[in-house]
Amino acid sequence: MADAMSQASTPKRGKNGEFEQPITVVCRVRPLNNREQSWRAHSRHSSLSFLTGCWRRDGEKVGVLTANNGTSVAVQTPQDMIQFDFDAVVGREGTQDDVYYLAAQPVVQDFLQGFNGTVFAYGQTGSGKTYTMEGVLGDRERQGVLPRVFSDIFGYINNCGPHITCSVHVQFLEIYNEKIRDLLTVEKDNLRVRGSHSGNIFVDGSTHAEVTSELE
């Protein structure tokens, strides 16, 4: 199972004066979970290497995925070999820290320099999006992208010194079936995306909460 993470930052000029690539796509291939390990042990196909990622439909071999930490993923089907190229690939041995370093930390660094940035994960159900973004809260090794983002942001703020004042406001929104729901104020369950006269895009009526620490 694989999910992909994309990051986007405001385009900025590099040392050669040209605009740097503002979008990066990182593919993560997760290991088998406990249910899949159990299914493998009781399957009539257990002699096959499930560790390379076998897709099956009613017991039929559909394809084998191979991915190492690098920049490409190869899918072998009965008919063909297909290769997909990314900016980076995190194999099943990759850590939460690897994912953050490749997919999110550059955006956070740009954000702290005044640039807008976006990080999001997408993939099929069960591919590991929630674990990648949230992970195990309170566990430094297994926590996901979001707690690491806040850790870096508040670490930066705490080192700014008394001459700089910072404030952090957050929103927590869910988009499901083309409806936007405010998870900080759950009765707001059908919000609209609007544009201001200055060209900014915002979710009308959404809750903004100020936070003063990583834990909060």
N, C-alpha and C. Protein backbone atom coordinates (compact mmCIF):
# COMPACT_ATOMS: atom_id res chain seq x y z
N MET A 1 0.85 -1.19 0.00
CA MET A 1 0.00 0.00 0.00
C MET A 1 0.89 1.24 0.00
N ALA A 2 0.51 2.21 -0.76
CA ALA A 2 1.33 3.41 -0.85
C ALA A 2 0.44 4.64 -0.82
N ASP A 3 0.96 5.68 -0.18
CA ASP A 3 0.30 6.97 -0.27
C ASP A 3 1.33 7.98 -0.73
N ALA A 4 0.84 9.12 -1.15
CA ALA A 4 1.74 10.15 -1.65
C ALA A 4 1.52 11.43 -0.87
N MET A 5 2.59 12.15 -0.69
CA MET A 5 2.52 13.44 -0.02
C MET A 5 3.02 14.50 -0.97
N SER A 6 2.30 15.60 -1.00
CA SER A 6 2.71 16.72 -1.84
C SER A 6 2.97 17.93 -0.97
N GLN A 7 3.97 18.68 -1.35
CA GLN A 7 4.24 19.95 -0.68
C GLN A 7 4.29 21.03 -1.74
N ALA A 8 3.81 22.19 -1.36
CA ALA A 8 3.84 23.33 -2.29
C ALA A 8 4.18 24.59 -1.51
N SER A 9 5.08 25.36 -2.05
CA SER A 9 5.47 26.62 -1.44
C SER A 9 5.37 27.73 -2.48
N THR A 10 5.28 28.96 -1.98
CA THR A 10 5.32 30.10 -2.88
C THR A 10 6.62 30.05 -3.69
N PRO A 11 6.58 30.14 -5.03
CA PRO A 11 7.81 30.10 -5.82
C PRO A 11 8.78 31.19 -5.40
N LYS A 12 10.05 30.84 -5.27
CA LYS A 12 11.07 31.83 -4.92
C LYS A 12 12.29 31.59 -5.78
N ARG A 13 13.11 32.61 -5.93
CA ARG A 13 14.27 32.52 -6.80
C ARG A 13 15.44 31.84 -6.09
N GLY A 14 16.11 30.96 -6.83
CA GLY A 14 17.29 30.32 -6.30
C GLY A 14 18.53 31.16 -6.52
N LYS A 15 19.70 30.57 -6.27
CA LYS A 15 20.96 31.31 -6.39
C LYS A 15 21.25 31.75 -7.82
N ASN A 16 20.71 30.98 -8.79
CA ASN A 16 20.95 31.33 -10.19
C ASN A 16 19.94 32.33 -10.72
N GLY A 17 19.04 32.82 -9.86
CA GLY A 17 18.06 33.80 -10.27
C GLY A 17 16.79 33.23 -10.85
N GLU A 18 16.76 31.90 -11.12
CA GLU A 18 15.57 31.27 -11.66
C GLU A 18 14.66 30.81 -10.52
N PHE A 19 13.35 30.71 -10.83
CA PHE A 19 12.40 30.25 -9.82
C PHE A 19 12.63 28.76 -9.54
N GLU A 20 12.64 28.40 -8.25
CA GLU A 20 12.78 27.02 -7.86
C GLU A 20 11.44 26.29 -8.03
N GLN A 21 11.50 24.97 -8.13
CA GLN A 21 10.30 24.16 -8.27
C GLN A 21 9.46 24.26 -6.99
N PRO A 22 8.22 24.76 -7.09
CA PRO A 22 7.43 24.97 -5.88
C PRO A 22 6.69 23.74 -5.38
N ILE A 23 6.64 22.65 -6.18
CA ILE A 23 5.87 21.47 -5.79
C ILE A 23 6.79 20.25 -5.76
N THR A 24 6.69 19.48 -4.68
CA THR A 24 7.45 18.25 -4.53
C THR A 24 6.49 17.12 -4.19
N VAL A 25 6.66 15.95 -4.80
CA VAL A 25 5.81 14.80 -4.52
C VAL A 25 6.67 13.66 -3.99
N VAL A 26 6.29 13.16 -2.82
CA VAL A 26 7.01 12.07 -2.16
C VAL A 26 6.06 10.89 -2.02
N CYS A 27 6.50 9.72 -2.42
CA CYS A 27 5.70 8.50 -2.30
C CYS A 27 6.20 7.69 -1.11
N ARG A 28 5.25 7.25 -0.28
CA ARG A 28 5.61 6.40 0.87
C ARG A 28 4.94 5.04 0.71
N VAL A 29 5.72 3.98 0.84
CA VAL A 29 5.20 2.61 0.79
C VAL A 29 5.25 2.05 2.20
N ARG A 30 4.10 1.72 2.74
CA ARG A 30 4.07 1.27 4.13
C ARG A 30 4.27 -0.24 4.22
N PRO A 31 4.71 -0.74 5.39
CA PRO A 31 4.79 -2.19 5.60
C PRO A 31 3.40 -2.77 5.82
N LEU A 32 3.31 -4.10 5.86
CA LEU A 32 2.03 -4.76 6.12
C LEU A 32 1.59 -4.48 7.54
N ASN A 33 0.27 -4.26 7.74
CA ASN A 33 -0.25 -4.12 9.09
C ASN A 33 -0.57 -5.49 9.67
N ASN A 34 -1.03 -5.52 10.92
CA ASN A 34 -1.27 -6.80 11.60
C ASN A 34 -2.31 -7.65 10.87
N ARG A 35 -3.36 -7.02 10.37
CA ARG A 35 -4.40 -7.77 9.66
C ARG A 35 -3.85 -8.40 8.39
N GLU A 36 -3.04 -7.66 7.67
CA GLU A 36 -2.46 -8.19 6.43
C GLU A 36 -1.44 -9.29 6.71
N GLN A 37 -0.68 -9.13 7.79
CA GLN A 37 0.26 -10.18 8.17
C GLN A 37 -0.48 -11.47 8.49
N SER A 38 -1.61 -11.35 9.20
CA SER A 38 -2.41 -12.53 9.53
C SER A 38 -3.00 -13.16 8.28
N TRP A 39 -3.48 -12.31 7.35
CA TRP A 39 -4.05 -12.82 6.11
C TRP A 39 -3.00 -13.56 5.29
N ARG A 40 -1.80 -13.03 5.30
CA ARG A 40 -0.70 -13.66 4.57
C ARG A 40 -0.40 -15.04 5.13
N ALA A 41 -0.40 -15.14 6.47
CA ALA A 41 -0.05 -16.41 7.12
C ALA A 41 -1.05 -17.51 6.81
N HIS A 42 -2.32 -17.14 6.58
CA HIS A 42 -3.37 -18.14 6.34
C HIS A 42 -3.74 -18.25 4.87
N SER A 43 -3.06 -17.51 4.01
CA SER A 43 -3.40 -17.53 2.60
C SER A 43 -2.77 -18.71 1.88
N ARG A 44 -3.45 -19.20 0.86
CA ARG A 44 -2.88 -20.28 0.06
C ARG A 44 -1.73 -19.79 -0.79
N HIS A 45 -1.53 -18.45 -0.82
CA HIS A 45 -0.42 -17.86 -1.58
C HIS A 45 0.71 -17.43 -0.65
N SER A 46 0.76 -17.98 0.57
CA SER A 46 1.70 -17.46 1.56
C SER A 46 3.15 -17.66 1.16
N SER A 47 3.42 -18.51 0.17
CA SER A 47 4.80 -18.72 -0.26
C SER A 47 5.33 -17.53 -1.05
N LEU A 48 4.42 -16.69 -1.55
CA LEU A 48 4.85 -15.54 -2.32
C LEU A 48 5.33 -14.43 -1.40
N SER A 49 6.12 -13.55 -1.92
CA SER A 49 6.70 -12.48 -1.12
C SER A 49 5.71 -11.33 -1.00
N PHE A 50 4.96 -11.31 0.08
CA PHE A 50 4.03 -10.21 0.31
C PHE A 50 4.78 -8.95 0.74
N LEU A 51 6.01 -9.09 1.16
CA LEU A 51 6.74 -7.93 1.63
C LEU A 51 7.02 -6.94 0.50
N THR A 52 6.93 -7.41 -0.75
CA THR A 52 7.11 -6.49 -1.86
C THR A 52 5.79 -5.82 -2.25
N GLY A 53 4.70 -6.25 -1.62
CA GLY A 53 3.41 -5.59 -1.85
C GLY A 53 2.66 -6.22 -3.00
N CYS A 54 1.86 -7.23 -2.73
CA CYS A 54 1.09 -7.90 -3.78
C CYS A 54 -0.36 -7.46 -3.70
N TRP A 55 -0.90 -7.01 -4.82
CA TRP A 55 -2.33 -6.71 -4.86
C TRP A 55 -3.04 -7.94 -5.40
N ARG A 56 -4.20 -8.24 -4.81
CA ARG A 56 -4.95 -9.40 -5.27
C ARG A 56 -6.42 -9.04 -5.39
N ARG A 57 -7.07 -9.67 -6.32
CA ARG A 57 -8.50 -9.51 -6.49
C ARG A 57 -9.10 -10.91 -6.57
N ASP A 58 -9.81 -11.32 -5.52
CA ASP A 58 -10.35 -12.68 -5.42
C ASP A 58 -9.27 -13.74 -5.59
N GLY A 59 -8.13 -13.50 -4.96
CA GLY A 59 -7.04 -14.47 -4.99
C GLY A 59 -6.16 -14.39 -6.21
N GLU A 60 -6.48 -13.54 -7.15
CA GLU A 60 -5.69 -13.43 -8.38
C GLU A 60 -4.54 -12.46 -8.17
N LYS A 61 -3.38 -12.82 -8.65
CA LYS A 61 -2.23 -11.94 -8.57
C LYS A 61 -2.40 -10.80 -9.57
N VAL A 62 -2.41 -9.58 -9.04
CA VAL A 62 -2.63 -8.41 -9.89
C VAL A 62 -1.33 -7.69 -10.19
N GLY A 63 -0.49 -7.52 -9.17
CA GLY A 63 0.76 -6.82 -9.42
C GLY A 63 1.67 -6.87 -8.22
N VAL A 64 2.94 -6.64 -8.44
CA VAL A 64 3.93 -6.61 -7.37
C VAL A 64 4.62 -5.26 -7.40
N LEU A 65 4.67 -4.62 -6.26
CA LEU A 65 5.27 -3.30 -6.16
C LEU A 65 6.62 -3.41 -5.46
N THR A 66 7.62 -2.78 -6.03
CA THR A 66 8.94 -2.73 -5.39
C THR A 66 9.35 -1.27 -5.26
N ALA A 67 9.84 -0.93 -4.08
CA ALA A 67 10.26 0.45 -3.84
C ALA A 67 11.34 0.47 -2.79
N ASN A 68 12.43 1.11 -3.09
CA ASN A 68 13.49 1.36 -2.13
C ASN A 68 13.60 2.87 -1.95
N ASN A 69 14.23 3.28 -0.86
CA ASN A 69 14.43 4.71 -0.68
C ASN A 69 15.19 5.25 -1.88
N GLY A 70 14.54 6.08 -2.65
CA GLY A 70 15.13 6.60 -3.88
C GLY A 70 14.15 7.55 -4.52
N THR A 71 13.92 7.40 -5.83
CA THR A 71 13.03 8.33 -6.52
C THR A 71 12.04 7.64 -7.43
N SER A 72 11.91 6.31 -7.41
CA SER A 72 10.97 5.64 -8.32
C SER A 72 10.35 4.42 -7.65
N VAL A 73 9.17 4.07 -8.18
CA VAL A 73 8.44 2.87 -7.75
C VAL A 73 8.12 2.07 -9.01
N ALA A 74 8.38 0.78 -8.98
CA ALA A 74 8.10 -0.09 -10.13
C ALA A 74 6.97 -1.04 -9.77
N VAL A 75 6.00 -1.17 -10.66
CA VAL A 75 4.88 -2.09 -10.48
C VAL A 75 4.93 -3.12 -11.60
N GLN A 76 5.08 -4.38 -11.21
CA GLN A 76 5.12 -5.47 -12.19
C GLN A 76 3.73 -6.10 -12.28
N THR A 77 3.10 -5.99 -13.42
CA THR A 77 1.82 -6.63 -13.67
C THR A 77 2.06 -7.85 -14.56
N PRO A 78 1.05 -8.71 -14.72
CA PRO A 78 1.24 -9.86 -15.63
C PRO A 78 1.56 -9.45 -17.05
N GLN A 79 1.18 -8.24 -17.43
CA GLN A 79 1.40 -7.80 -18.81
C GLN A 79 2.62 -6.92 -19.00
N ASP A 80 3.00 -6.17 -17.97
CA ASP A 80 4.00 -5.14 -18.21
C ASP A 80 4.66 -4.71 -16.91
N MET A 81 5.77 -3.99 -17.05
CA MET A 81 6.42 -3.34 -15.93
C MET A 81 6.22 -1.84 -16.09
N ILE A 82 5.67 -1.21 -15.04
CA ILE A 82 5.39 0.23 -15.08
C ILE A 82 6.19 0.91 -14.00
N GLN A 83 6.86 1.98 -14.36
CA GLN A 83 7.67 2.73 -13.39
C GLN A 83 7.08 4.11 -13.19
N PHE A 84 7.00 4.51 -11.92
CA PHE A 84 6.52 5.84 -11.55
C PHE A 84 7.65 6.59 -10.86
N ASP A 85 7.91 7.78 -11.32
CA ASP A 85 9.00 8.59 -10.78
C ASP A 85 8.46 9.69 -9.88
N PHE A 86 9.15 9.92 -8.76
CA PHE A 86 8.78 10.95 -7.80
C PHE A 86 10.02 11.76 -7.44
N ASP A 87 9.81 12.81 -6.68
CA ASP A 87 10.96 13.55 -6.17
C ASP A 87 11.70 12.73 -5.12
N ALA A 88 10.97 11.89 -4.39
CA ALA A 88 11.58 11.01 -3.40
C ALA A 88 10.62 9.87 -3.12
N VAL A 89 11.15 8.72 -2.75
CA VAL A 89 10.36 7.56 -2.35
C VAL A 89 10.87 7.07 -1.00
N VAL A 90 9.94 6.88 -0.07
CA VAL A 90 10.28 6.32 1.24
C VAL A 90 9.75 4.89 1.25
N GLY A 91 10.66 3.92 1.29
CA GLY A 91 10.28 2.51 1.31
C GLY A 91 9.67 2.10 2.64
N ARG A 92 9.29 0.82 2.73
CA ARG A 92 8.59 0.35 3.93
C ARG A 92 9.46 0.38 5.17
N GLU A 93 10.79 0.48 5.02
CA GLU A 93 11.67 0.60 6.18
C GLU A 93 11.85 2.06 6.60
N GLY A 94 11.28 2.98 5.84
CA GLY A 94 11.42 4.39 6.16
C GLY A 94 10.72 4.77 7.45
N THR A 95 11.22 5.77 8.12
CA THR A 95 10.68 6.21 9.40
C THR A 95 9.81 7.45 9.23
N GLN A 96 9.10 7.79 10.30
CA GLN A 96 8.32 9.02 10.30
C GLN A 96 9.24 10.24 10.11
N ASP A 97 10.42 10.15 10.68
CA ASP A 97 11.37 11.25 10.55
C ASP A 97 11.82 11.40 9.10
N ASP A 98 12.02 10.28 8.40
CA ASP A 98 12.40 10.33 6.98
C ASP A 98 11.34 11.06 6.17
N VAL A 99 10.07 10.72 6.43
CA VAL A 99 8.97 11.34 5.69
C VAL A 99 8.93 12.84 5.96
N TYR A 100 9.07 13.21 7.23
CA TYR A 100 9.00 14.64 7.57
C TYR A 100 10.16 15.41 6.93
N TYR A 101 11.35 14.83 6.99
CA TYR A 101 12.53 15.50 6.44
C TYR A 101 12.38 15.74 4.94
N LEU A 102 11.80 14.77 4.23
CA LEU A 102 11.69 14.87 2.78
C LEU A 102 10.48 15.68 2.32
N ALA A 103 9.35 15.51 3.02
CA ALA A 103 8.09 16.04 2.50
C ALA A 103 7.60 17.31 3.17
N ALA A 104 8.00 17.56 4.40
CA ALA A 104 7.39 18.67 5.13
C ALA A 104 8.38 19.70 5.66
N GLN A 105 9.53 19.26 6.12
CA GLN A 105 10.45 20.21 6.75
C GLN A 105 10.84 21.37 5.82
N PRO A 106 11.09 21.13 4.53
CA PRO A 106 11.40 22.28 3.64
C PRO A 106 10.28 23.31 3.59
N VAL A 107 9.02 22.86 3.65
CA VAL A 107 7.89 23.79 3.63
C VAL A 107 7.86 24.61 4.92
N VAL A 108 8.12 23.95 6.05
CA VAL A 108 8.13 24.65 7.33
C VAL A 108 9.24 25.70 7.34
N GLN A 109 10.40 25.35 6.82
CA GLN A 109 11.50 26.31 6.78
C GLN A 109 11.15 27.52 5.91
N ASP A 110 10.50 27.27 4.77
CA ASP A 110 10.07 28.39 3.92
C ASP A 110 9.00 29.22 4.62
N PHE A 111 8.07 28.54 5.31
CA PHE A 111 7.02 29.24 6.03
C PHE A 111 7.60 30.19 7.08
N LEU A 112 8.63 29.75 7.77
CA LEU A 112 9.25 30.58 8.80
C LEU A 112 10.02 31.76 8.19
N GLN A 113 10.24 31.71 6.87
CA GLN A 113 10.88 32.83 6.18
C GLN A 113 9.85 33.74 5.49
N GLY A 114 8.55 33.45 5.72
CA GLY A 114 7.51 34.32 5.20
C GLY A 114 6.79 33.84 3.96
N PHE A 115 7.04 32.59 3.54
CA PHE A 115 6.38 32.07 2.35
C PHE A 115 5.18 31.21 2.74
N ASN A 116 4.14 31.22 1.91
CA ASN A 116 3.01 30.31 2.11
C ASN A 116 3.44 28.88 1.78
N GLY A 117 2.80 27.91 2.41
CA GLY A 117 3.16 26.53 2.14
C GLY A 117 2.00 25.58 2.43
N THR A 118 1.99 24.45 1.75
CA THR A 118 0.96 23.43 1.92
C THR A 118 1.60 22.06 1.92
N VAL A 119 1.15 21.19 2.83
CA VAL A 119 1.56 19.79 2.85
C VAL A 119 0.29 18.95 2.98
N PHE A 120 0.08 18.00 2.07
CA PHE A 120 -1.08 17.13 2.23
C PHE A 120 -0.74 15.73 1.75
N ALA A 121 -1.47 14.75 2.32
CA ALA A 121 -1.29 13.35 1.95
C ALA A 121 -2.54 12.86 1.22
N TYR A 122 -2.33 12.04 0.21
CA TYR A 122 -3.48 11.48 -0.49
C TYR A 122 -3.16 10.04 -0.88
N GLY A 123 -4.21 9.23 -0.97
CA GLY A 123 -4.05 7.81 -1.30
C GLY A 123 -5.34 7.08 -0.99
N GLN A 124 -5.39 5.81 -1.35
CA GLN A 124 -6.60 5.04 -1.13
C GLN A 124 -6.81 4.75 0.35
N THR A 125 -8.01 4.30 0.72
CA THR A 125 -8.31 3.96 2.10
C THR A 125 -7.35 2.87 2.58
N GLY A 126 -6.75 3.08 3.75
CA GLY A 126 -5.84 2.10 4.31
C GLY A 126 -4.40 2.23 3.87
N SER A 127 -4.09 3.27 3.10
CA SER A 127 -2.72 3.40 2.60
C SER A 127 -1.76 4.03 3.60
N GLY A 128 -2.30 4.59 4.69
CA GLY A 128 -1.43 5.12 5.74
C GLY A 128 -1.42 6.63 5.87
N LYS A 129 -2.44 7.30 5.34
CA LYS A 129 -2.46 8.77 5.38
C LYS A 129 -2.54 9.29 6.81
N THR A 130 -3.44 8.73 7.62
CA THR A 130 -3.62 9.22 8.99
C THR A 130 -2.37 8.97 9.81
N TYR A 131 -1.78 7.80 9.66
CA TYR A 131 -0.55 7.50 10.41
C TYR A 131 0.57 8.45 9.99
N THR A 132 0.66 8.72 8.71
CA THR A 132 1.71 9.62 8.22
C THR A 132 1.53 11.04 8.76
N MET A 133 0.30 11.54 8.75
CA MET A 133 0.07 12.91 9.16
C MET A 133 -0.01 13.09 10.67
N GLU A 134 -0.61 12.13 11.37
CA GLU A 134 -0.78 12.25 12.82
C GLU A 134 0.17 11.34 13.58
N GLY A 135 0.26 10.07 13.18
CA GLY A 135 1.12 9.12 13.87
C GLY A 135 0.62 8.83 15.27
N VAL A 136 1.56 8.54 16.16
CA VAL A 136 1.25 8.26 17.56
C VAL A 136 1.64 9.49 18.37
N LEU A 137 0.65 10.25 18.79
CA LEU A 137 0.93 11.48 19.51
C LEU A 137 1.63 11.19 20.83
N GLY A 138 2.65 11.98 21.12
CA GLY A 138 3.41 11.78 22.35
C GLY A 138 4.59 10.85 22.20
N ASP A 139 4.68 10.15 21.07
CA ASP A 139 5.79 9.25 20.81
C ASP A 139 6.73 9.94 19.81
N ARG A 140 7.91 10.32 20.26
CA ARG A 140 8.82 11.11 19.42
C ARG A 140 9.23 10.39 18.15
N GLU A 141 9.31 9.07 18.17
CA GLU A 141 9.73 8.33 16.98
C GLU A 141 8.57 8.10 16.02
N ARG A 142 7.37 7.88 16.55
CA ARG A 142 6.24 7.49 15.71
C ARG A 142 5.24 8.62 15.47
N GLN A 143 5.47 9.79 16.03
CA GLN A 143 4.55 10.89 15.75
C GLN A 143 4.69 11.32 14.29
N GLY A 144 3.59 11.85 13.74
CA GLY A 144 3.55 12.13 12.32
C GLY A 144 3.96 13.56 11.96
N VAL A 145 3.53 13.97 10.78
CA VAL A 145 3.94 15.25 10.24
C VAL A 145 3.43 16.42 11.08
N LEU A 146 2.15 16.41 11.44
CA LEU A 146 1.55 17.56 12.13
C LEU A 146 2.25 17.90 13.44
N PRO A 147 2.42 16.95 14.37
CA PRO A 147 3.12 17.32 15.61
C PRO A 147 4.55 17.76 15.37
N ARG A 148 5.20 17.25 14.35
CA ARG A 148 6.57 17.67 14.05
C ARG A 148 6.60 19.10 13.50
N VAL A 149 5.57 19.45 12.72
CA VAL A 149 5.47 20.82 12.22
C VAL A 149 5.36 21.79 13.39
N PHE A 150 4.45 21.50 14.33
CA PHE A 150 4.26 22.39 15.47
C PHE A 150 5.51 22.45 16.34
N SER A 151 6.20 21.33 16.45
CA SER A 151 7.43 21.31 17.24
C SER A 151 8.47 22.26 16.65
N ASP A 152 8.62 22.22 15.33
CA ASP A 152 9.60 23.10 14.67
C ASP A 152 9.18 24.56 14.75
N ILE A 153 7.88 24.82 14.56
CA ILE A 153 7.40 26.21 14.59
C ILE A 153 7.61 26.82 15.97
N PHE A 154 7.20 26.11 17.02
CA PHE A 154 7.34 26.68 18.36
C PHE A 154 8.79 26.65 18.84
N GLY A 155 9.58 25.72 18.32
CA GLY A 155 11.01 25.77 18.61
C GLY A 155 11.64 27.03 18.05
N TYR A 156 11.22 27.40 16.83
CA TYR A 156 11.70 28.64 16.21
C TYR A 156 11.25 29.86 17.02
N ILE A 157 9.97 29.88 17.39
CA ILE A 157 9.44 31.01 18.16
C ILE A 157 10.16 31.17 19.48
N ASN A 158 10.40 30.06 20.17
CA ASN A 158 11.04 30.13 21.48
C ASN A 158 12.48 30.63 21.40
N ASN A 159 13.08 30.52 20.22
CA ASN A 159 14.46 30.97 20.06
C ASN A 159 14.57 32.36 19.44
N CYS A 160 13.42 33.00 19.21
CA CYS A 160 13.44 34.32 18.56
C CYS A 160 13.95 35.43 19.48
N GLY A 161 13.78 35.26 20.77
CA GLY A 161 14.20 36.32 21.68
C GLY A 161 13.06 37.28 21.98
N PRO A 162 13.24 38.14 22.99
CA PRO A 162 12.15 39.02 23.45
C PRO A 162 11.79 40.16 22.50
N HIS A 163 12.65 40.42 21.50
CA HIS A 163 12.39 41.54 20.60
C HIS A 163 11.39 41.20 19.51
N ILE A 164 10.98 39.94 19.39
CA ILE A 164 10.02 39.52 18.37
C ILE A 164 8.79 38.91 19.04
N THR A 165 7.61 39.35 18.63
CA THR A 165 6.36 38.80 19.15
C THR A 165 5.68 37.99 18.06
N CYS A 166 5.29 36.77 18.39
CA CYS A 166 4.67 35.87 17.42
C CYS A 166 3.31 35.40 17.95
N SER A 167 2.37 35.18 17.04
CA SER A 167 1.09 34.58 17.39
C SER A 167 0.77 33.50 16.36
N VAL A 168 0.20 32.39 16.82
CA VAL A 168 -0.11 31.25 15.95
C VAL A 168 -1.60 30.97 16.07
N HIS A 169 -2.29 30.96 14.94
CA HIS A 169 -3.71 30.63 14.90
C HIS A 169 -3.90 29.41 14.00
N VAL A 170 -4.79 28.52 14.39
CA VAL A 170 -5.01 27.29 13.63
C VAL A 170 -6.49 27.14 13.29
N GLN A 171 -6.73 26.39 12.23
CA GLN A 171 -8.06 25.93 11.86
C GLN A 171 -8.01 24.42 11.74
N PHE A 172 -9.13 23.76 11.96
CA PHE A 172 -9.19 22.30 11.85
C PHE A 172 -10.45 21.95 11.08
N LEU A 173 -10.28 21.69 9.78
CA LEU A 173 -11.42 21.50 8.90
C LEU A 173 -11.41 20.11 8.28
N GLU A 174 -12.58 19.59 8.00
CA GLU A 174 -12.73 18.31 7.32
C GLU A 174 -13.48 18.53 6.02
N ILE A 175 -12.96 17.98 4.94
CA ILE A 175 -13.65 18.02 3.65
C ILE A 175 -14.08 16.60 3.31
N TYR A 176 -15.38 16.37 3.25
CA TYR A 176 -15.90 15.03 2.99
C TYR A 176 -17.17 15.16 2.14
N ASN A 177 -17.21 14.40 1.06
CA ASN A 177 -18.35 14.47 0.13
C ASN A 177 -18.64 15.91 -0.30
N GLU A 178 -17.55 16.63 -0.56
CA GLU A 178 -17.62 18.01 -1.07
C GLU A 178 -18.25 18.97 -0.07
N LYS A 179 -18.29 18.61 1.20
CA LYS A 179 -18.76 19.49 2.26
C LYS A 179 -17.62 19.79 3.22
N ILE A 180 -17.57 21.03 3.68
CA ILE A 180 -16.52 21.44 4.60
C ILE A 180 -17.12 21.55 5.99
N ARG A 181 -16.52 20.84 6.95
CA ARG A 181 -17.00 20.82 8.32
C ARG A 181 -15.93 21.38 9.24
N ASP A 182 -16.32 22.21 10.17
CA ASP A 182 -15.40 22.80 11.15
C ASP A 182 -15.30 21.87 12.35
N LEU A 183 -14.15 21.25 12.54
CA LEU A 183 -13.98 20.29 13.63
C LEU A 183 -13.75 20.96 14.98
N LEU A 184 -13.52 22.27 14.97
CA LEU A 184 -13.42 23.00 16.24
C LEU A 184 -14.79 23.50 16.71
N THR A 185 -15.72 23.65 15.78
CA THR A 185 -17.10 24.01 16.10
C THR A 185 -17.99 23.13 15.24
N VAL A 186 -18.35 21.96 15.77
CA VAL A 186 -18.92 20.88 14.94
C VAL A 186 -20.26 21.23 14.33
N GLU A 187 -21.00 22.22 14.91
CA GLU A 187 -22.28 22.58 14.31
C GLU A 187 -22.11 23.32 12.98
N LYS A 188 -20.90 23.79 12.70
CA LYS A 188 -20.62 24.40 11.40
C LYS A 188 -20.22 23.29 10.43
N ASP A 189 -21.22 22.77 9.71
CA ASP A 189 -20.97 21.55 8.93
C ASP A 189 -21.17 21.71 7.43
N ASN A 190 -21.36 22.93 6.95
CA ASN A 190 -21.51 23.12 5.50
C ASN A 190 -20.98 24.50 5.12
N LEU A 191 -19.68 24.69 5.37
CA LEU A 191 -19.06 25.99 5.13
C LEU A 191 -18.70 26.16 3.66
N ARG A 192 -18.47 27.40 3.26
CA ARG A 192 -18.19 27.72 1.87
C ARG A 192 -16.80 28.33 1.71
N VAL A 193 -16.15 27.99 0.61
CA VAL A 193 -14.88 28.61 0.26
C VAL A 193 -15.17 29.87 -0.53
N ARG A 194 -14.54 30.97 -0.12
CA ARG A 194 -14.79 32.25 -0.77
C ARG A 194 -13.46 32.95 -1.07
N GLY A 195 -13.53 33.97 -1.90
CA GLY A 195 -12.37 34.77 -2.23
C GLY A 195 -12.59 36.21 -1.82
N SER A 196 -11.55 36.83 -1.28
CA SER A 196 -11.65 38.23 -0.87
C SER A 196 -11.31 39.13 -2.06
N HIS A 197 -11.57 40.44 -1.91
CA HIS A 197 -11.26 41.39 -2.97
C HIS A 197 -9.76 41.48 -3.23
N SER A 198 -8.96 41.12 -2.23
CA SER A 198 -7.50 41.17 -2.39
C SER A 198 -6.94 39.90 -3.01
N GLY A 199 -7.83 38.93 -3.30
CA GLY A 199 -7.38 37.70 -3.95
C GLY A 199 -7.09 36.55 -3.02
N ASN A 200 -7.29 36.72 -1.70
CA ASN A 200 -7.06 35.63 -0.75
C ASN A 200 -8.25 34.67 -0.73
N ILE A 201 -7.95 33.39 -0.56
CA ILE A 201 -8.97 32.35 -0.48
C ILE A 201 -9.15 31.97 0.99
N PHE A 202 -10.41 31.86 1.44
CA PHE A 202 -10.67 31.52 2.84
C PHE A 202 -11.97 30.74 2.95
N VAL A 203 -12.14 30.05 4.09
CA VAL A 203 -13.37 29.31 4.38
C VAL A 203 -14.24 30.21 5.25
N ASP A 204 -15.32 30.67 4.70
CA ASP A 204 -16.17 31.64 5.38
C ASP A 204 -16.81 31.04 6.63
N GLY A 205 -16.66 31.72 7.79
CA GLY A 205 -17.30 31.29 9.02
C GLY A 205 -16.53 30.27 9.82
N SER A 206 -15.35 29.87 9.36
CA SER A 206 -14.58 28.85 10.08
C SER A 206 -13.96 29.42 11.36
N THR A 207 -13.71 28.55 12.31
CA THR A 207 -13.18 28.95 13.61
C THR A 207 -11.66 29.07 13.56
N HIS A 208 -11.13 30.15 14.07
CA HIS A 208 -9.70 30.36 14.22
C HIS A 208 -9.38 30.31 15.71
N ALA A 209 -8.48 29.43 16.11
CA ALA A 209 -8.11 29.32 17.52
C ALA A 209 -6.64 29.67 17.69
N GLU A 210 -6.34 30.50 18.67
CA GLU A 210 -4.95 30.85 18.95
C GLU A 210 -4.34 29.78 19.85
N VAL A 211 -3.12 29.35 19.52
CA VAL A 211 -2.40 28.38 20.34
C VAL A 211 -1.06 29.00 20.74
N THR A 212 -0.63 28.66 21.93
CA THR A 212 0.58 29.30 22.47
C THR A 212 1.69 28.32 22.76
N SER A 213 1.48 27.02 22.46
CA SER A 213 2.53 26.04 22.74
C SER A 213 2.33 24.83 21.84
N GLU A 214 3.38 24.03 21.70
CA GLU A 214 3.30 22.80 20.92
C GLU A 214 2.26 21.85 21.52
N LEU A 215 2.25 21.71 22.82
CA LEU A 215 1.31 20.81 23.47
C LEU A 215 -0.14 21.24 23.25
N GLU A 216 -0.39 22.52 23.33
CA GLU A 216 -1.75 23.03 23.13
C GLU A 216 -2.23 22.78 21.71
